[in-house]
Amino acid sequence: MKVKLKNVFVIYFLVSVIGLMYALLQLGQPCDCSQHLRSASELLHGKDKKISQLLSEVKRLQAHGKGSDLEGAALPIIYAITPTYARLVQKAELVRISQTFLHVKNFHWIVVEDSPVKTQLVSELLAQSGLRFTHLHTETPKEHKRKESDPNWLKPRGVEQRNLALQWLRENRELSEEGIVYFADDDNTYSLRLFDEIRSTKRVSVWPVGLVGGLRFERPLVEKGKVVGFYTAWKPNRPFPMDMAGFAIALQLLLANREARFDLLAERGYLESSLLQSLVSIEELEPRADNCTKVLVWHTRTEKPKMKQEELLQKQGLGSDPSIEV
């Protein structure tokens, strides 16, 4: 065994010496490296050029972003008034529309709860929404409150809540301030284009609303850029036969007419008219959405959830965890 190991070490030593001698001899040989150096130089030059282009693009995008911010700052604020009340789909509705509102520049969300206090659910949702908001609350008088089993048309919801929001605007905004007021109920679906359309409202702007009044849509009828009537099936002789989602009002017009408000006692279908009659005539309405030919808001309404299984489990003491917010 000792002899074999010695032979291995000798062979290893000889191979190492030969390899070292060969390497030393190679050091003295001429080497044409110019092609490799040229390729490396071209590669570095190409990378420098690419980096320079990327830096220029970054600067351009930064400048564009600043320009957009400045442009956004100059836009009139849209004040969206949303009355809301406690129900199983309340959070889902508010989350859905808040995700749309996040994409609207210069936007202020006024959320008014039909409640004697501000609820934790709505307070936390607003705090986490990323939106500029005002949180208010007022309870609808019991004699005017719709029961859960009542049909939607029996009594109007959100009347006192919308009026409180108008009061807040009058107490916290000046007549010199520009802005647009829109009544954005939490059970509607909104196209972002709608907010671009209403931003230039001078007095009262109007447009179609989809899936409302038992029709595919209701809309103002326009001739030569002027509203001349309304396409609607139910009580077409109302002063303003329109849905709440179908108009926006200039802030200055509301501030100048401090008594303008929704009538809690208005006849069914006349709630919108009770406010608009004190602000504008039909001839003064400003058609939007391509002369009221495009639908940009839909009265979708989330389906009321069926809770039969939940109720059965609750009777057995096996209902879902009440601490998990839905």
C-alpha atoms as a PDB file:
ATOM      1  CA  MET A   1       0.000   0.000   0.000  1.00  0.00           C
ATOM      2  CA  LYS A   2       2.838   2.440   0.824  1.00  0.00           C
ATOM      3  CA  VAL A   3       4.499   1.798  -2.560  1.00  0.00           C
ATOM      4  CA  LYS A   4       1.274   2.406  -4.452  1.00  0.00           C
ATOM      5  CA  LEU A   5       0.632   5.706  -2.683  1.00  0.00           C
ATOM      6  CA  LYS A   6       4.189   6.813  -3.390  1.00  0.00           C
ATOM      7  CA  ASN A   7       3.723   6.075  -7.092  1.00  0.00           C
ATOM      8  CA  VAL A   8       0.522   8.125  -7.142  1.00  0.00           C
ATOM      9  CA  PHE A   9       2.240  11.116  -5.540  1.00  0.00           C
ATOM     10  CA  VAL A  10       5.125  10.898  -8.038  1.00  0.00           C
ATOM     11  CA  ILE A  11       2.780  10.811 -11.020  1.00  0.00           C
ATOM     12  CA  TYR A  12       0.757  13.734  -9.600  1.00  0.00           C
ATOM     13  CA  PHE A  13       3.969  15.744  -9.072  1.00  0.00           C
ATOM     14  CA  LEU A  14       5.199  15.108 -12.625  1.00  0.00           C
ATOM     15  CA  VAL A  15       1.846  16.038 -14.189  1.00  0.00           C
ATOM     16  CA  SER A  16       1.756  19.241 -12.147  1.00  0.00           C
ATOM     17  CA  VAL A  17       5.290  20.211 -13.183  1.00  0.00           C
ATOM     18  CA  ILE A  18       4.550  19.567 -16.859  1.00  0.00           C
ATOM     19  CA  GLY A  19       1.360  21.603 -16.663  1.00  0.00           C
ATOM     20  CA  LEU A  20       3.161  24.483 -14.997  1.00  0.00           C
ATOM     21  CA  MET A  21       5.924  24.463 -17.640  1.00  0.00           C
ATOM     22  CA  TYR A  22       3.339  24.492 -20.442  1.00  0.00           C
ATOM     23  CA  ALA A  23       1.560  27.451 -18.898  1.00  0.00           C
ATOM     24  CA  LEU A  24       4.844  29.372 -18.574  1.00  0.00           C
ATOM     25  CA  LEU A  25       5.623  28.738 -22.211  1.00  0.00           C
ATOM     26  CA  GLN A  26       2.189  29.994 -23.276  1.00  0.00           C
ATOM     27  CA  LEU A  27       2.737  33.303 -21.492  1.00  0.00           C
ATOM     28  CA  GLY A  28       5.383  34.185 -23.975  1.00  0.00           C
ATOM     29  CA  GLN A  29       3.253  33.498 -27.062  1.00  0.00           C
ATOM     30  CA  PRO A  30       1.666  36.443 -28.958  1.00  0.00           C
ATOM     31  CA  CYS A  31      -2.115  36.739 -28.584  1.00  0.00           C
ATOM     32  CA  ASP A  32      -4.472  38.490 -31.001  1.00  0.00           C
ATOM     33  CA  CYS A  33      -7.168  39.761 -28.567  1.00  0.00           C
ATOM     34  CA  SER A  34      -8.256  42.776 -30.576  1.00  0.00           C
ATOM     35  CA  GLN A  35     -11.430  41.096 -31.862  1.00  0.00           C
ATOM     36  CA  HIS A  36     -12.527  40.142 -28.346  1.00  0.00           C
ATOM     37  CA  LEU A  37     -11.762  43.614 -27.057  1.00  0.00           C
ATOM     38  CA  ARG A  38     -13.712  45.161 -29.934  1.00  0.00           C
ATOM     39  CA  SER A  39     -16.758  42.950 -29.246  1.00  0.00           C
ATOM     40  CA  ALA A  40     -16.646  43.825 -25.547  1.00  0.00           C
ATOM     41  CA  SER A  41     -16.412  47.537 -26.374  1.00  0.00           C
ATOM     42  CA  GLU A  42     -19.398  47.337 -28.723  1.00  0.00           C
ATOM     43  CA  LEU A  43     -21.397  45.466 -26.097  1.00  0.00           C
ATOM     44  CA  LEU A  44     -20.647  48.092 -23.446  1.00  0.00           C
ATOM     45  CA  HIS A  45     -21.526  50.892 -25.860  1.00  0.00           C
ATOM     46  CA  GLY A  46     -24.851  49.215 -26.650  1.00  0.00           C
ATOM     47  CA  LYS A  47     -25.672  48.851 -22.955  1.00  0.00           C
ATOM     48  CA  ASP A  48     -24.790  52.511 -22.301  1.00  0.00           C
ATOM     49  CA  LYS A  49     -27.082  53.558 -25.133  1.00  0.00           C
ATOM     50  CA  LYS A  50     -29.929  51.395 -23.780  1.00  0.00           C
ATOM     51  CA  ILE A  51     -29.473  52.790 -20.275  1.00  0.00           C
ATOM     52  CA  SER A  52     -29.552  56.328 -21.675  1.00  0.00           C
ATOM     53  CA  GLN A  53     -32.803  55.561 -23.528  1.00  0.00           C
ATOM     54  CA  LEU A  54     -34.386  54.096 -20.402  1.00  0.00           C
ATOM     55  CA  LEU A  55     -33.378  57.149 -18.341  1.00  0.00           C
ATOM     56  CA  SER A  56     -34.922  59.427 -20.948  1.00  0.00           C
ATOM     57  CA  GLU A  57     -38.152  57.396 -20.862  1.00  0.00           C
ATOM     58  CA  VAL A  58     -38.251  57.573 -17.054  1.00  0.00           C
ATOM     59  CA  LYS A  59     -37.848  61.365 -17.171  1.00  0.00           C
ATOM     60  CA  ARG A  60     -40.593  61.633 -19.793  1.00  0.00           C
ATOM     61  CA  LEU A  61     -42.987  59.536 -17.714  1.00  0.00           C
ATOM     62  CA  GLN A  62     -42.168  61.536 -14.584  1.00  0.00           C
ATOM     63  CA  ALA A  63     -42.870  64.776 -16.432  1.00  0.00           C
ATOM     64  CA  HIS A  64     -46.125  63.341 -17.775  1.00  0.00           C
ATOM     65  CA  GLY A  65     -47.127  62.237 -14.286  1.00  0.00           C
ATOM     66  CA  LYS A  66     -46.477  65.701 -12.865  1.00  0.00           C
ATOM     67  CA  GLY A  67     -48.470  67.227 -15.696  1.00  0.00           C
ATOM     68  CA  SER A  68     -51.378  64.882 -15.000  1.00  0.00           C
ATOM     69  CA  ASP A  69     -51.278  65.764 -11.305  1.00  0.00           C
ATOM     70  CA  LEU A  70     -51.330  69.472 -12.109  1.00  0.00           C
ATOM     71  CA  GLU A  71     -54.165  68.947 -14.569  1.00  0.00           C
ATOM     72  CA  GLY A  72     -56.101  66.941 -11.955  1.00  0.00           C
ATOM     73  CA  ALA A  73     -55.593  69.650  -9.340  1.00  0.00           C
ATOM     74  CA  ALA A  74     -57.240  72.187 -11.676  1.00  0.00           C
ATOM     75  CA  LEU A  75     -60.388  70.089 -12.190  1.00  0.00           C
ATOM     76  CA  PRO A  76     -63.565  70.971 -10.235  1.00  0.00           C
ATOM     77  CA  ILE A  77     -64.153  68.574  -7.347  1.00  0.00           C
ATOM     78  CA  ILE A  78     -66.903  65.994  -7.749  1.00  0.00           C
ATOM     79  CA  TYR A  79     -68.829  65.534  -4.492  1.00  0.00           C
ATOM     80  CA  ALA A  80     -70.540  62.137  -4.619  1.00  0.00           C
ATOM     81  CA  ILE A  81     -73.296  61.786  -2.020  1.00  0.00           C
ATOM     82  CA  THR A  82     -74.038  58.190  -1.037  1.00  0.00           C
ATOM     83  CA  PRO A  83     -76.779  57.379   1.479  1.00  0.00           C
ATOM     84  CA  THR A  84     -76.390  53.899   2.948  1.00  0.00           C
ATOM     85  CA  TYR A  85     -78.080  51.654   5.498  1.00  0.00           C
ATOM     86  CA  ALA A  86     -77.213  48.428   7.333  1.00  0.00           C
ATOM     87  CA  ARG A  87     -78.002  45.207   5.437  1.00  0.00           C
ATOM     88  CA  LEU A  88     -76.187  42.039   4.407  1.00  0.00           C
ATOM     89  CA  VAL A  89     -74.904  43.461   1.114  1.00  0.00           C
ATOM     90  CA  GLN A  90     -73.965  46.913   2.465  1.00  0.00           C
ATOM     91  CA  LYS A  91     -70.228  46.300   2.688  1.00  0.00           C
ATOM     92  CA  ALA A  92     -70.114  44.550  -0.684  1.00  0.00           C
ATOM     93  CA  GLU A  93     -71.933  47.489  -2.319  1.00  0.00           C
ATOM     94  CA  LEU A  94     -69.692  50.128  -0.729  1.00  0.00           C
ATOM     95  CA  VAL A  95     -66.484  48.247  -1.547  1.00  0.00           C
ATOM     96  CA  ARG A  96     -67.570  47.829  -5.169  1.00  0.00           C
ATOM     97  CA  ILE A  97     -68.321  51.480  -5.839  1.00  0.00           C
ATOM     98  CA  SER A  98     -65.319  52.700  -3.821  1.00  0.00           C
ATOM     99  CA  GLN A  99     -63.064  50.741  -6.191  1.00  0.00           C
ATOM    100  CA  THR A 100     -64.559  52.741  -9.073  1.00  0.00           C
ATOM    101  CA  PHE A 101     -64.275  56.063  -7.254  1.00  0.00           C
ATOM    102  CA  LEU A 102     -60.547  55.473  -6.632  1.00  0.00           C
ATOM    103  CA  HIS A 103     -59.972  56.097 -10.359  1.00  0.00           C
ATOM    104  CA  VAL A 104     -61.721  59.495 -10.377  1.00  0.00           C
ATOM    105  CA  LYS A 105     -59.520  62.590  -9.975  1.00  0.00           C
ATOM    106  CA  ASN A 106     -60.488  65.361  -7.550  1.00  0.00           C
ATOM    107  CA  PHE A 107     -63.172  63.299  -5.905  1.00  0.00           C
ATOM    108  CA  HIS A 108     -64.791  63.724  -2.475  1.00  0.00           C
ATOM    109  CA  TRP A 109     -67.080  60.980  -1.187  1.00  0.00           C
ATOM    110  CA  ILE A 110     -69.809  62.018   1.269  1.00  0.00           C
ATOM    111  CA  VAL A 111     -71.243  58.887   2.863  1.00  0.00           C
ATOM    112  CA  VAL A 112     -74.310  59.318   5.078  1.00  0.00           C
ATOM    113  CA  GLU A 113     -75.550  56.422   7.172  1.00  0.00           C
ATOM    114  CA  ASP A 114     -79.199  55.905   8.040  1.00  0.00           C
ATOM    115  CA  SER A 115     -78.248  55.267  11.647  1.00  0.00           C
ATOM    116  CA  PRO A 116     -78.275  57.000  15.051  1.00  0.00           C
ATOM    117  CA  VAL A 117     -74.470  56.562  15.164  1.00  0.00           C
ATOM    118  CA  LYS A 118     -71.560  56.031  12.803  1.00  0.00           C
ATOM    119  CA  THR A 119     -71.120  52.277  12.530  1.00  0.00           C
ATOM    120  CA  GLN A 120     -67.780  50.520  12.822  1.00  0.00           C
ATOM    121  CA  LEU A 121     -68.249  48.768   9.491  1.00  0.00           C
ATOM    122  CA  VAL A 122     -68.628  51.961   7.485  1.00  0.00           C
ATOM    123  CA  SER A 123     -66.030  53.879   9.518  1.00  0.00           C
ATOM    124  CA  GLU A 124     -63.347  51.263   8.901  1.00  0.00           C
ATOM    125  CA  LEU A 125     -64.278  50.839   5.252  1.00  0.00           C
ATOM    126  CA  LEU A 126     -63.924  54.569   4.625  1.00  0.00           C
ATOM    127  CA  ALA A 127     -60.643  54.786   6.543  1.00  0.00           C
ATOM    128  CA  GLN A 128     -59.201  52.007   4.378  1.00  0.00           C
ATOM    129  CA  SER A 129     -60.713  53.200   1.083  1.00  0.00           C
ATOM    130  CA  GLY A 130     -57.905  55.540   0.044  1.00  0.00           C
ATOM    131  CA  LEU A 131     -60.513  58.173  -0.838  1.00  0.00           C
ATOM    132  CA  ARG A 132     -61.072  61.689   0.435  1.00  0.00           C
ATOM    133  CA  PHE A 133     -64.325  61.350   2.372  1.00  0.00           C
ATOM    134  CA  THR A 134     -66.774  62.851   4.838  1.00  0.00           C
ATOM    135  CA  HIS A 135     -68.696  60.471   7.084  1.00  0.00           C
ATOM    136  CA  LEU A 136     -72.091  61.599   8.379  1.00  0.00           C
ATOM    137  CA  HIS A 137     -75.123  59.935   9.918  1.00  0.00           C
ATOM    138  CA  THR A 138     -78.785  60.655  10.592  1.00  0.00           C
ATOM    139  CA  GLU A 139     -81.652  58.284  11.204  1.00  0.00           C
ATOM    140  CA  THR A 140     -84.791  58.310   9.094  1.00  0.00           C
ATOM    141  CA  PRO A 141     -87.902  58.926  11.248  1.00  0.00           C
ATOM    142  CA  LYS A 142     -89.608  55.619  12.021  1.00  0.00           C
ATOM    143  CA  GLU A 143     -92.867  56.626  10.358  1.00  0.00           C
ATOM    144  CA  HIS A 144     -90.977  57.182   7.076  1.00  0.00           C
ATOM    145  CA  LYS A 145     -88.652  54.192   7.260  1.00  0.00           C
ATOM    146  CA  ARG A 146     -89.280  51.337   4.861  1.00  0.00           C
ATOM    147  CA  LYS A 147     -89.527  47.869   6.392  1.00  0.00           C
ATOM    148  CA  GLU A 148     -87.372  45.025   5.105  1.00  0.00           C
ATOM    149  CA  SER A 149     -90.452  43.302   3.685  1.00  0.00           C
ATOM    150  CA  ASP A 150     -91.778  46.433   1.952  1.00  0.00           C
ATOM    151  CA  PRO A 151     -91.435  46.798  -1.844  1.00  0.00           C
ATOM    152  CA  ASN A 152     -88.755  49.240  -3.071  1.00  0.00           C
ATOM    153  CA  TRP A 153     -91.301  51.706  -4.407  1.00  0.00           C
ATOM    154  CA  LEU A 154     -93.364  52.077  -1.214  1.00  0.00           C
ATOM    155  CA  LYS A 155     -91.213  54.733   0.491  1.00  0.00           C
ATOM    156  CA  PRO A 156     -88.120  56.527  -0.763  1.00  0.00           C
ATOM    157  CA  ARG A 157     -84.854  55.761   1.024  1.00  0.00           C
ATOM    158  CA  GLY A 158     -82.014  58.160   1.715  1.00  0.00           C
ATOM    159  CA  VAL A 159     -84.035  61.396   1.723  1.00  0.00           C
ATOM    160  CA  GLU A 160     -82.866  62.726   5.088  1.00  0.00           C
ATOM    161  CA  GLN A 161     -79.354  61.466   4.390  1.00  0.00           C
ATOM    162  CA  ARG A 162     -79.055  63.348   1.088  1.00  0.00           C
ATOM    163  CA  ASN A 163     -80.445  66.496   2.718  1.00  0.00           C
ATOM    164  CA  LEU A 164     -77.861  66.243   5.502  1.00  0.00           C
ATOM    165  CA  ALA A 165     -75.106  66.010   2.901  1.00  0.00           C
ATOM    166  CA  LEU A 166     -76.450  69.153   1.187  1.00  0.00           C
ATOM    167  CA  GLN A 167     -76.476  70.894   4.566  1.00  0.00           C
ATOM    168  CA  TRP A 168     -72.846  69.860   5.155  1.00  0.00           C
ATOM    169  CA  LEU A 169     -71.832  71.333   1.800  1.00  0.00           C
ATOM    170  CA  ARG A 170     -73.579  74.605   2.570  1.00  0.00           C
ATOM    171  CA  GLU A 171     -71.866  74.821   5.947  1.00  0.00           C
ATOM    172  CA  ASN A 172     -68.398  73.845   4.746  1.00  0.00           C
ATOM    173  CA  ARG A 173     -68.050  75.228   1.225  1.00  0.00           C
ATOM    174  CA  GLU A 174     -68.016  78.792  -0.134  1.00  0.00           C
ATOM    175  CA  LEU A 175     -70.047  80.157  -3.023  1.00  0.00           C
ATOM    176  CA  SER A 176     -66.787  80.988  -4.820  1.00  0.00           C
ATOM    177  CA  GLU A 177     -65.725  77.325  -4.899  1.00  0.00           C
ATOM    178  CA  GLU A 178     -66.284  75.259  -8.032  1.00  0.00           C
ATOM    179  CA  GLY A 179     -67.563  71.705  -7.813  1.00  0.00           C
ATOM    180  CA  ILE A 180     -70.139  69.202  -8.993  1.00  0.00           C
ATOM    181  CA  VAL A 181     -72.617  67.374  -6.754  1.00  0.00           C
ATOM    182  CA  TYR A 182     -73.765  63.902  -7.757  1.00  0.00           C
ATOM    183  CA  PHE A 183     -76.106  61.555  -5.896  1.00  0.00           C
ATOM    184  CA  ALA A 184     -74.297  58.222  -6.205  1.00  0.00           C
ATOM    185  CA  ASP A 185     -76.403  55.519  -4.579  1.00  0.00           C
ATOM    186  CA  ASP A 186     -74.543  52.426  -3.428  1.00  0.00           C
ATOM    187  CA  ASP A 187     -76.599  50.011  -5.533  1.00  0.00           C
ATOM    188  CA  ASN A 188     -75.596  51.442  -8.925  1.00  0.00           C
ATOM    189  CA  THR A 189     -72.797  50.632 -11.371  1.00  0.00           C
ATOM    190  CA  TYR A 190     -70.790  53.548 -12.754  1.00  0.00           C
ATOM    191  CA  SER A 191     -68.645  53.959 -15.848  1.00  0.00           C
ATOM    192  CA  LEU A 192     -65.562  56.119 -15.298  1.00  0.00           C
ATOM    193  CA  ARG A 193     -66.508  58.065 -18.406  1.00  0.00           C
ATOM    194  CA  LEU A 194     -69.571  59.366 -16.551  1.00  0.00           C
ATOM    195  CA  PHE A 195     -67.408  61.461 -14.229  1.00  0.00           C
ATOM    196  CA  ASP A 196     -65.543  62.975 -17.180  1.00  0.00           C
ATOM    197  CA  GLU A 197     -68.894  63.864 -18.736  1.00  0.00           C
ATOM    198  CA  ILE A 198     -70.301  65.676 -15.701  1.00  0.00           C
ATOM    199  CA  ARG A 199     -67.127  67.550 -14.746  1.00  0.00           C
ATOM    200  CA  SER A 200     -68.096  70.540 -16.926  1.00  0.00           C
ATOM    201  CA  THR A 201     -71.616  70.960 -15.472  1.00  0.00           C
ATOM    202  CA  LYS A 202     -72.670  74.629 -15.360  1.00  0.00           C
ATOM    203  CA  ARG A 203     -76.086  74.224 -13.723  1.00  0.00           C
ATOM    204  CA  VAL A 204     -77.655  70.765 -14.056  1.00  0.00           C
ATOM    205  CA  SER A 205     -76.376  68.094 -16.451  1.00  0.00           C
ATOM    206  CA  VAL A 206     -78.388  64.987 -17.434  1.00  0.00           C
ATOM    207  CA  TRP A 207     -77.882  61.613 -19.165  1.00  0.00           C
ATOM    208  CA  PRO A 208     -79.529  58.177 -19.526  1.00  0.00           C
ATOM    209  CA  VAL A 209     -79.743  55.560 -16.765  1.00  0.00           C
ATOM    210  CA  GLY A 210     -79.839  51.869 -17.630  1.00  0.00           C
ATOM    211  CA  LEU A 211     -82.085  49.154 -16.166  1.00  0.00           C
ATOM    212  CA  VAL A 212     -84.548  51.457 -14.480  1.00  0.00           C
ATOM    213  CA  GLY A 213     -88.302  52.191 -14.501  1.00  0.00           C
ATOM    214  CA  GLY A 214     -89.122  48.779 -15.944  1.00  0.00           C
ATOM    215  CA  LEU A 215     -87.223  49.701 -19.126  1.00  0.00           C
ATOM    216  CA  ARG A 216     -83.816  48.926 -20.624  1.00  0.00           C
ATOM    217  CA  PHE A 217     -83.068  52.595 -19.985  1.00  0.00           C
ATOM    218  CA  GLU A 218     -84.683  55.962 -19.321  1.00  0.00           C
ATOM    219  CA  ARG A 219     -83.259  59.087 -20.907  1.00  0.00           C
ATOM    220  CA  PRO A 220     -83.810  62.746 -21.700  1.00  0.00           C
ATOM    221  CA  LEU A 221     -84.839  63.407 -25.313  1.00  0.00           C
ATOM    222  CA  VAL A 222     -82.570  65.896 -27.056  1.00  0.00           C
ATOM    223  CA  GLU A 223     -83.096  68.034 -30.148  1.00  0.00           C
ATOM    224  CA  LYS A 224     -80.468  70.468 -31.417  1.00  0.00           C
ATOM    225  CA  GLY A 225     -78.524  70.133 -28.193  1.00  0.00           C
ATOM    226  CA  LYS A 226     -81.502  70.911 -25.941  1.00  0.00           C
ATOM    227  CA  VAL A 227     -83.593  68.644 -23.733  1.00  0.00           C
ATOM    228  CA  VAL A 228     -87.178  68.639 -25.041  1.00  0.00           C
ATOM    229  CA  GLY A 229     -88.688  65.747 -23.096  1.00  0.00           C
ATOM    230  CA  PHE A 230     -88.038  62.356 -21.530  1.00  0.00           C
ATOM    231  CA  TYR A 231     -88.230  58.740 -22.606  1.00  0.00           C
ATOM    232  CA  THR A 232     -89.929  56.996 -19.705  1.00  0.00           C
ATOM    233  CA  ALA A 233     -92.914  54.723 -19.203  1.00  0.00           C
ATOM    234  CA  TRP A 234     -94.037  55.400 -15.637  1.00  0.00           C
ATOM    235  CA  LYS A 235     -95.793  58.720 -14.941  1.00  0.00           C
ATOM    236  CA  PRO A 236     -94.184  60.548 -17.870  1.00  0.00           C
ATOM    237  CA  ASN A 237     -95.941  63.799 -16.872  1.00  0.00           C
ATOM    238  CA  ARG A 238     -93.819  64.251 -13.762  1.00  0.00           C
ATOM    239  CA  PRO A 239     -91.885  67.588 -13.846  1.00  0.00           C
ATOM    240  CA  PHE A 240     -88.560  65.722 -14.056  1.00  0.00           C
ATOM    241  CA  PRO A 241     -89.220  62.007 -14.747  1.00  0.00           C
ATOM    242  CA  MET A 242     -85.635  60.950 -14.070  1.00  0.00           C
ATOM    243  CA  ASP A 243     -83.738  58.576 -11.825  1.00  0.00           C
ATOM    244  CA  MET A 244     -81.510  59.911  -9.026  1.00  0.00           C
ATOM    245  CA  ALA A 245     -78.445  58.633 -10.904  1.00  0.00           C
ATOM    246  CA  GLY A 246     -79.311  60.602 -14.033  1.00  0.00           C
ATOM    247  CA  PHE A 247     -78.282  64.160 -13.125  1.00  0.00           C
ATOM    248  CA  ALA A 248     -75.569  66.245 -11.471  1.00  0.00           C
ATOM    249  CA  ILE A 249     -75.755  69.773 -10.044  1.00  0.00           C
ATOM    250  CA  ALA A 250     -73.178  72.551  -9.931  1.00  0.00           C
ATOM    251  CA  LEU A 251     -72.069  73.173  -6.356  1.00  0.00           C
ATOM    252  CA  GLN A 252     -72.463  76.932  -6.757  1.00  0.00           C
ATOM    253  CA  LEU A 253     -76.093  76.499  -7.828  1.00  0.00           C
ATOM    254  CA  LEU A 254     -76.874  74.512  -4.682  1.00  0.00           C
ATOM    255  CA  LEU A 255     -75.044  76.983  -2.447  1.00  0.00           C
ATOM    256  CA  ALA A 256     -76.883  79.914  -4.033  1.00  0.00           C
ATOM    257  CA  ASN A 257     -80.248  78.206  -3.430  1.00  0.00           C
ATOM    258  CA  ARG A 258     -79.936  77.317   0.225  1.00  0.00           C
ATOM    259  CA  GLU A 259     -83.532  76.161   0.625  1.00  0.00           C
ATOM    260  CA  ALA A 260     -83.356  73.605  -2.190  1.00  0.00           C
ATOM    261  CA  ARG A 261     -83.751  70.116  -0.746  1.00  0.00           C
ATOM    262  CA  PHE A 262     -85.519  66.786  -1.206  1.00  0.00           C
ATOM    263  CA  ASP A 263     -89.072  66.612   0.118  1.00  0.00           C
ATOM    264  CA  LEU A 264     -89.497  63.741   2.566  1.00  0.00           C
ATOM    265  CA  LEU A 265     -93.243  63.825   1.895  1.00  0.00           C
ATOM    266  CA  ALA A 266     -92.957  63.872  -1.895  1.00  0.00           C
ATOM    267  CA  GLU A 267     -95.360  61.629  -3.792  1.00  0.00           C
ATOM    268  CA  ARG A 268     -93.939  58.395  -5.132  1.00  0.00           C
ATOM    269  CA  GLY A 269     -91.698  59.126  -8.120  1.00  0.00           C
ATOM    270  CA  TYR A 270     -91.527  62.848  -7.417  1.00  0.00           C
ATOM    271  CA  LEU A 271     -88.483  62.914  -5.128  1.00  0.00           C
ATOM    272  CA  GLU A 272     -86.031  64.026  -7.832  1.00  0.00           C
ATOM    273  CA  SER A 273     -88.490  66.659  -9.040  1.00  0.00           C
ATOM    274  CA  SER A 274     -88.869  68.074  -5.528  1.00  0.00           C
ATOM    275  CA  LEU A 275     -85.229  69.177  -5.648  1.00  0.00           C
ATOM    276  CA  LEU A 276     -84.775  70.009  -9.328  1.00  0.00           C
ATOM    277  CA  GLN A 277     -87.883  72.195  -9.620  1.00  0.00           C
ATOM    278  CA  SER A 278     -86.296  74.761  -7.309  1.00  0.00           C
ATOM    279  CA  LEU A 279     -83.036  74.853  -9.275  1.00  0.00           C
ATOM    280  CA  VAL A 280     -83.600  74.601 -13.021  1.00  0.00           C
ATOM    281  CA  SER A 281     -86.075  74.416 -15.897  1.00  0.00           C
ATOM    282  CA  ILE A 282     -86.134  71.644 -18.497  1.00  0.00           C
ATOM    283  CA  GLU A 283     -84.823  74.072 -21.114  1.00  0.00           C
ATOM    284  CA  GLU A 284     -81.742  74.754 -18.963  1.00  0.00           C
ATOM    285  CA  LEU A 285     -80.742  71.106 -18.603  1.00  0.00           C
ATOM    286  CA  GLU A 286     -77.362  70.228 -20.104  1.00  0.00           C
ATOM    287  CA  PRO A 287     -77.367  66.934 -22.048  1.00  0.00           C
ATOM    288  CA  ARG A 288     -74.287  64.733 -21.675  1.00  0.00           C
ATOM    289  CA  ALA A 289     -73.251  61.272 -22.929  1.00  0.00           C
ATOM    290  CA  ASP A 290     -73.457  62.105 -26.651  1.00  0.00           C
ATOM    291  CA  ASN A 291     -76.751  63.980 -26.404  1.00  0.00           C
ATOM    292  CA  CYS A 292     -78.108  61.352 -24.010  1.00  0.00           C
ATOM    293  CA  THR A 293     -77.537  58.423 -26.366  1.00  0.00           C
ATOM    294  CA  LYS A 294     -74.964  56.536 -24.254  1.00  0.00           C
ATOM    295  CA  VAL A 295     -75.687  54.654 -21.026  1.00  0.00           C
ATOM    296  CA  LEU A 296     -72.900  55.250 -18.485  1.00  0.00           C
ATOM    297  CA  VAL A 297     -74.675  54.318 -15.242  1.00  0.00           C
ATOM    298  CA  TRP A 298     -76.873  51.337 -14.419  1.00  0.00           C
ATOM    299  CA  HIS A 299     -79.367  50.823 -11.608  1.00  0.00           C
ATOM    300  CA  THR A 300     -78.181  47.262 -11.051  1.00  0.00           C
ATOM    301  CA  ARG A 301     -79.084  46.511  -7.397  1.00  0.00           C
ATOM    302  CA  THR A 302     -77.427  43.535  -5.766  1.00  0.00           C
ATOM    303  CA  GLU A 303     -79.767  40.581  -5.376  1.00  0.00           C
ATOM    304  CA  LYS A 304     -81.003  40.089  -1.843  1.00  0.00           C
ATOM    305  CA  PRO A 305     -79.133  37.037  -0.450  1.00  0.00           C
ATOM    306  CA  LYS A 306     -81.157  33.958   0.507  1.00  0.00           C
ATOM    307  CA  MET A 307     -80.288  32.994   4.080  1.00  0.00           C
ATOM    308  CA  LYS A 308     -82.455  29.908   4.614  1.00  0.00           C
ATOM    309  CA  GLN A 309     -79.527  27.615   5.394  1.00  0.00           C
ATOM    310  CA  GLU A 310     -77.988  30.189   7.703  1.00  0.00           C
ATOM    311  CA  GLU A 311     -81.262  30.535   9.591  1.00  0.00           C
ATOM    312  CA  LEU A 312     -81.612  26.765   9.958  1.00  0.00           C
ATOM    313  CA  LEU A 313     -78.084  26.448  11.331  1.00  0.00           C
ATOM    314  CA  GLN A 314     -78.650  29.326  13.737  1.00  0.00           C
ATOM    315  CA  LYS A 315     -81.678  27.522  15.172  1.00  0.00           C
ATOM    316  CA  GLN A 316     -79.384  24.570  15.834  1.00  0.00           C
ATOM    317  CA  GLY A 317     -76.771  26.800  17.422  1.00  0.00           C
ATOM    318  CA  LEU A 318     -74.424  26.201  14.462  1.00  0.00           C
ATOM    319  CA  GLY A 319     -74.676  29.565  12.694  1.00  0.00           C
ATOM    320  CA  SER A 320     -71.661  31.182  11.098  1.00  0.00           C
ATOM    321  CA  ASP A 321     -69.166  33.087  13.257  1.00  0.00           C
ATOM    322  CA  PRO A 322     -70.761  36.540  13.912  1.00  0.00           C
ATOM    323  CA  SER A 323     -67.332  38.078  14.493  1.00  0.00           C
ATOM    324  CA  ILE A 324     -66.463  37.634  10.795  1.00  0.00           C
ATOM    325  CA  GLU A 325     -67.620  40.737   8.957  1.00  0.00           C
ATOM    326  CA  VAL A 326     -69.336  40.237   5.606  1.00  0.00           C
END
